[in-house]
């Protein structure tokens, strides 16, 4: 499959002892590594424009997969399978591999993304992909790692936690602290949060299609970009006025 938001498979090796896939090199690694990896002074925090752009790129890649037919799904959407180019463009990887592994091969951490109706990870519908993508959006917005509620490890059951906080009308408590400085985009962040919650509802028939999800993210990303552009123009005008005031004295 050829799409700008999918990681192309260049080669593979298959044997009983070892199975290897060869992809293009992605300089920034995975979204998971950036969100939850290096927390030191040298890390580059993801701003709102980067996060909404990553969400849009991933949505476009998954929408393309789903457009190949009703039986085509990714099956393993998670932040470690969203790879990033040097310009922070998202590339979806590892699509279709769940059909090649047994249920016992699925890592526990994937359970945090898994739709409640999925009992066999090899049999995942497009609606289950939408649920997993909703959890991925929540991860982008909160900065928290999704983990199954029964696992005693770092992380949270993200859909349940977000819904409990939103019910108490503490929406600002949900967002990653690195996003709280973007006051101009607060409306878009809240709308993306609502879209994520809509994707991660328990009943598959109540979830939107990836086409609808991609369209909404596109609208929100464009709105944020326009606001950023307008804000930059205001700052430039302020600088020009300051220079003019100084030169006039």
Foldseek 3Di string as FASTA:
>chain_A
DDDPQAFDWDDWDDDPVDTDTDTDDAVVAWQCCLLPNDPDPPHDDQEPLLLLQQLLSNLVVQLVQCVVDQQGGFLQDDRNQWTAHPVSHTHGYNGPCLLVDFQVPDDQLSVLLFAPVDPTSNRAGQLRRLQSSLVRLLCSFQSFRGGPCPDPDGGYSRLVVQVVCVVVVNNVNSGHPNHPVPPVLPVLSVVSNVLSNQSNDRDSVSHDGSVVVSVSSVVSSVVSVVSVVVVVVVVVVVVVVVVVVVVVD
